[in-house]
Protein backbone atom coordinates (compact mmCIF):
# COMPACT_ATOMS: atom_id res chain seq x y z
CA UNK A 1 144.33 401.26 326.90
CA UNK A 2 142.08 403.40 329.10
CA UNK A 3 141.63 407.02 328.15
CA UNK A 4 143.22 409.56 330.49
CA UNK A 5 142.99 413.30 329.68
CA UNK A 6 146.30 415.12 329.76
CA UNK A 7 147.63 418.65 329.42
CA UNK A 8 148.88 418.93 325.86
CA UNK A 9 151.99 421.06 325.32
CA UNK A 10 151.34 424.67 324.49
CA UNK A 11 152.74 426.13 321.28
CA UNK A 12 154.77 429.31 321.95
CA UNK A 13 153.38 432.57 320.59
CA UNK A 14 155.63 433.95 317.83
CA UNK A 15 157.68 436.88 319.07
CA UNK A 16 156.16 439.24 316.51
CA UNK A 17 152.64 438.47 317.79
CA UNK A 18 153.08 438.09 321.54
CA UNK A 19 152.20 441.74 322.24
CA UNK A 20 149.33 441.95 319.74
CA UNK A 21 146.46 444.10 321.05
CA UNK A 22 144.51 444.70 317.86
CA UNK A 23 141.33 442.80 318.79
CA UNK A 24 141.03 444.42 322.23
CA UNK A 25 140.80 441.16 324.19
CA UNK A 26 144.06 441.91 326.00
CA UNK A 27 141.95 444.30 328.11
CA UNK A 28 140.17 441.25 329.57
CA UNK A 29 143.39 440.15 331.24
CA UNK A 30 143.51 436.69 329.66
CA UNK A 31 146.82 435.58 328.21
CA UNK A 32 147.43 434.77 324.56
CA UNK A 33 147.47 431.08 323.68
CA UNK A 34 148.70 430.28 320.18
CA UNK A 35 147.81 426.61 320.13
CA UNK A 36 148.51 423.21 321.62
CA UNK A 37 149.67 419.82 320.47
CA UNK A 38 152.01 419.46 317.51
CA UNK A 39 152.29 422.64 315.43
CA UNK A 40 153.39 420.58 312.41
CA UNK A 41 150.67 417.95 312.80
CA UNK A 42 148.75 416.76 309.71
CA UNK A 43 145.37 417.60 311.27
CA UNK A 44 144.58 421.16 312.34
CA UNK A 45 141.62 421.55 314.71
CA UNK A 46 140.08 425.01 315.04
CA UNK A 47 138.04 426.14 318.07
CA UNK A 48 136.46 429.52 318.77
CA UNK A 49 138.85 430.47 321.62
CA UNK A 50 141.35 428.79 323.98
CA UNK A 51 139.05 428.56 326.98
CA UNK A 52 140.84 427.94 330.27
CA UNK A 53 144.09 426.01 330.65
CA UNK A 54 144.49 427.04 334.30
CA UNK A 55 142.10 427.03 337.26
CA UNK A 56 141.40 430.24 339.26
CA UNK A 57 144.55 429.58 341.31
CA UNK A 58 146.70 429.37 338.20
CA UNK A 59 147.16 425.59 338.26
CA UNK A 60 147.13 423.83 334.85
CA UNK A 61 144.13 421.58 334.29
CA UNK A 62 142.23 419.87 331.46
CA UNK A 63 138.86 421.60 330.98
CA UNK A 64 135.72 419.79 329.87
CA UNK A 65 136.10 420.93 326.26
CA UNK A 66 139.60 419.45 326.08
CA UNK A 67 138.53 416.23 327.80
CA UNK A 68 135.80 415.63 325.22
CA UNK A 69 138.10 416.54 322.32
CA UNK A 70 140.89 414.30 323.58
CA UNK A 71 138.47 411.41 324.04
CA UNK A 72 137.42 411.71 320.40
CA UNK A 73 141.07 411.74 319.33
CA UNK A 74 141.80 408.66 321.43
CA UNK A 75 138.73 406.64 320.43
CA UNK A 76 139.45 407.21 316.75
CA UNK A 77 142.97 405.88 317.01
CA UNK A 78 144.67 409.25 316.59
CA UNK A 79 147.46 410.68 318.74
CA UNK A 80 148.47 414.06 320.07
CA UNK A 81 151.36 414.16 317.59
CA UNK A 82 148.83 414.10 314.75
CA UNK A 83 146.79 417.04 316.08
CA UNK A 84 147.40 420.77 316.24
CA UNK A 85 144.68 422.69 318.08
CA UNK A 86 144.30 426.40 317.50
CA UNK A 87 141.59 429.05 317.76
CA UNK A 88 139.88 431.89 315.94
CA UNK A 89 140.56 434.14 318.95
CA UNK A 90 143.90 433.70 320.65
CA UNK A 91 142.70 435.01 324.02
CA UNK A 92 139.79 433.82 326.14
CA UNK A 93 137.01 436.45 326.34
CA UNK A 94 136.02 437.13 329.95
CA UNK A 95 133.21 439.63 329.37
CA UNK A 96 131.26 441.25 326.56
CA UNK A 97 133.17 442.36 323.47
CA UNK A 98 132.72 443.23 319.81
CA UNK A 99 132.63 439.68 318.48
CA UNK A 100 132.57 440.50 314.78
CA UNK A 101 135.47 442.95 315.06
CA UNK A 102 137.57 440.57 317.18
CA UNK A 103 137.04 437.64 314.84
CA UNK A 104 137.76 439.69 311.71
CA UNK A 105 140.91 441.06 313.34
CA UNK A 106 142.23 437.75 314.65
CA UNK A 107 141.58 435.74 311.48
CA UNK A 108 144.93 436.90 310.07
CA UNK A 109 146.70 434.90 312.78
CA UNK A 110 144.78 431.81 311.73
CA UNK A 111 145.68 432.33 308.08
CA UNK A 112 149.35 432.65 309.03
CA UNK A 113 149.13 429.44 311.03
CA UNK A 114 147.61 427.55 308.10
CA UNK A 115 150.43 428.72 305.86
CA UNK A 116 153.15 427.96 308.38
CA UNK A 117 151.84 424.57 309.53
CA UNK A 118 150.63 423.32 306.12
CA UNK A 119 148.17 420.78 307.55
CA UNK A 120 146.73 418.02 305.40
CA UNK A 121 143.25 418.37 306.90
CA UNK A 122 141.33 421.01 308.86
CA UNK A 123 138.50 420.28 311.29
CA UNK A 124 136.45 423.26 312.53
CA UNK A 125 134.63 422.69 315.83
CA UNK A 126 131.51 424.77 316.39
CA UNK A 127 129.67 427.44 314.43
CA UNK A 128 132.06 430.28 315.30
CA UNK A 129 135.05 428.38 313.92
CA UNK A 130 133.11 427.31 310.80
CA UNK A 131 131.83 430.79 310.01
CA UNK A 132 135.18 432.48 310.64
CA UNK A 133 137.24 429.96 308.72
CA UNK A 134 134.92 429.85 305.70
CA UNK A 135 134.27 433.61 305.84
CA UNK A 136 130.51 433.00 305.77
CA UNK A 137 128.27 434.05 308.70
CA UNK A 138 125.31 432.19 307.19
CA UNK A 139 126.67 428.63 307.40
CA UNK A 140 126.78 426.34 310.40
CA UNK A 141 128.16 422.98 311.49
CA UNK A 142 124.98 421.16 310.52
CA UNK A 143 125.32 422.24 306.88
CA UNK A 144 129.06 421.52 306.64
CA UNK A 145 129.64 418.31 308.63
CA UNK A 146 130.02 415.05 306.75
CA UNK A 147 131.46 416.73 303.65
CA UNK A 148 134.87 417.96 302.53
CA UNK A 149 135.53 421.43 301.15
CA UNK A 150 138.70 422.82 299.63
CA UNK A 151 139.97 425.85 301.55
CA UNK A 152 143.22 427.25 300.25
CA UNK A 153 144.02 423.86 298.81
CA UNK A 154 143.41 422.09 302.15
CA UNK A 155 140.43 419.73 302.68
CA UNK A 156 138.28 421.10 305.51
CA UNK A 157 135.19 419.87 307.34
CA UNK A 158 133.35 420.51 310.62
CA UNK A 159 132.01 418.95 313.80
CA UNK A 160 130.03 420.20 316.78
CA UNK A 161 131.86 422.07 319.53
CA UNK A 162 132.95 419.80 322.41
CA UNK A 163 131.20 422.09 324.89
CA UNK A 164 127.94 421.74 322.95
CA UNK A 165 128.40 417.97 323.09
CA UNK A 166 128.83 418.06 326.86
CA UNK A 167 125.70 420.17 327.25
CA UNK A 168 123.70 418.08 324.79
CA UNK A 169 124.82 414.42 325.08
CA UNK A 170 122.59 413.48 322.12
CA UNK A 171 125.22 415.17 319.92
CA UNK A 172 127.97 412.81 321.06
CA UNK A 173 127.32 410.12 318.40
CA UNK A 174 127.47 412.77 315.65
CA UNK A 175 130.62 414.25 317.18
CA UNK A 176 132.27 410.84 317.10
CA UNK A 177 131.01 410.26 313.54
CA UNK A 178 132.71 413.47 312.42
CA UNK A 179 135.98 412.52 314.07
CA UNK A 180 135.77 409.08 312.45
CA UNK A 181 135.10 410.82 309.13
CA UNK A 182 138.24 412.91 309.63
CA UNK A 183 140.38 409.98 310.79
CA UNK A 184 139.32 407.94 307.74
CA UNK A 185 140.34 410.73 305.35
CA UNK A 186 143.65 411.14 307.17
CA UNK A 187 144.44 407.44 306.91
CA UNK A 188 143.52 407.48 303.24
CA UNK A 189 145.93 410.36 302.62
CA UNK A 190 148.66 408.64 304.61
CA UNK A 191 148.17 405.39 302.67
CA UNK A 192 148.36 407.20 299.34
CA UNK A 193 151.56 408.94 300.43
CA UNK A 194 153.05 405.62 301.49
CA UNK A 195 152.17 404.01 298.14
CA UNK A 196 153.66 406.99 296.30
CA UNK A 197 156.87 406.71 298.31
CA UNK A 198 157.15 403.00 297.49
CA UNK A 199 156.57 403.70 293.80
CA UNK A 200 159.18 406.45 293.67
CA UNK A 201 161.66 404.30 295.54
CA UNK A 202 161.32 401.47 293.03
CA UNK A 203 161.79 403.68 289.95
């Protein structure tokens, strides 16, 4: 089946958070986007910020970042139902801002999402997502990719940001490798769960 990018459903912002102004990005005029895909999916994907889901006229569209991400999902045999995409910042920055303050402020939303969604795996895309999620400004994708780390009891790894891949096509093979690495771990977990279910059913 040919790959065709599509607009994934947006996850509603919880009522208690929809008027959050703590990070200051509301002043930029961009709306809050909580996530997209399946909020209860086994794989949580973390980006730095939502980017644009609408063009300048307000019409929904699939940006380049989402096209590249969705292609990786498709080519590795995964589906939208298996992916929940969220972000360190819940609003798209439109001008200069205090990056460290905004990320430190917004990380509580991400922690709440991890607890509420209980994903089986977490994939951080790009250095901002890696550093914020692991609470370490010194690490980067290059040092994390290809390995699994336990974060709050959840296996987590990293891949390059889709936008970086579009700007530097030589990163595409590594990007696909990291998605294959994630898909393999997911299938291993699913197989183990299936075997466990069969065992419990027979006892």
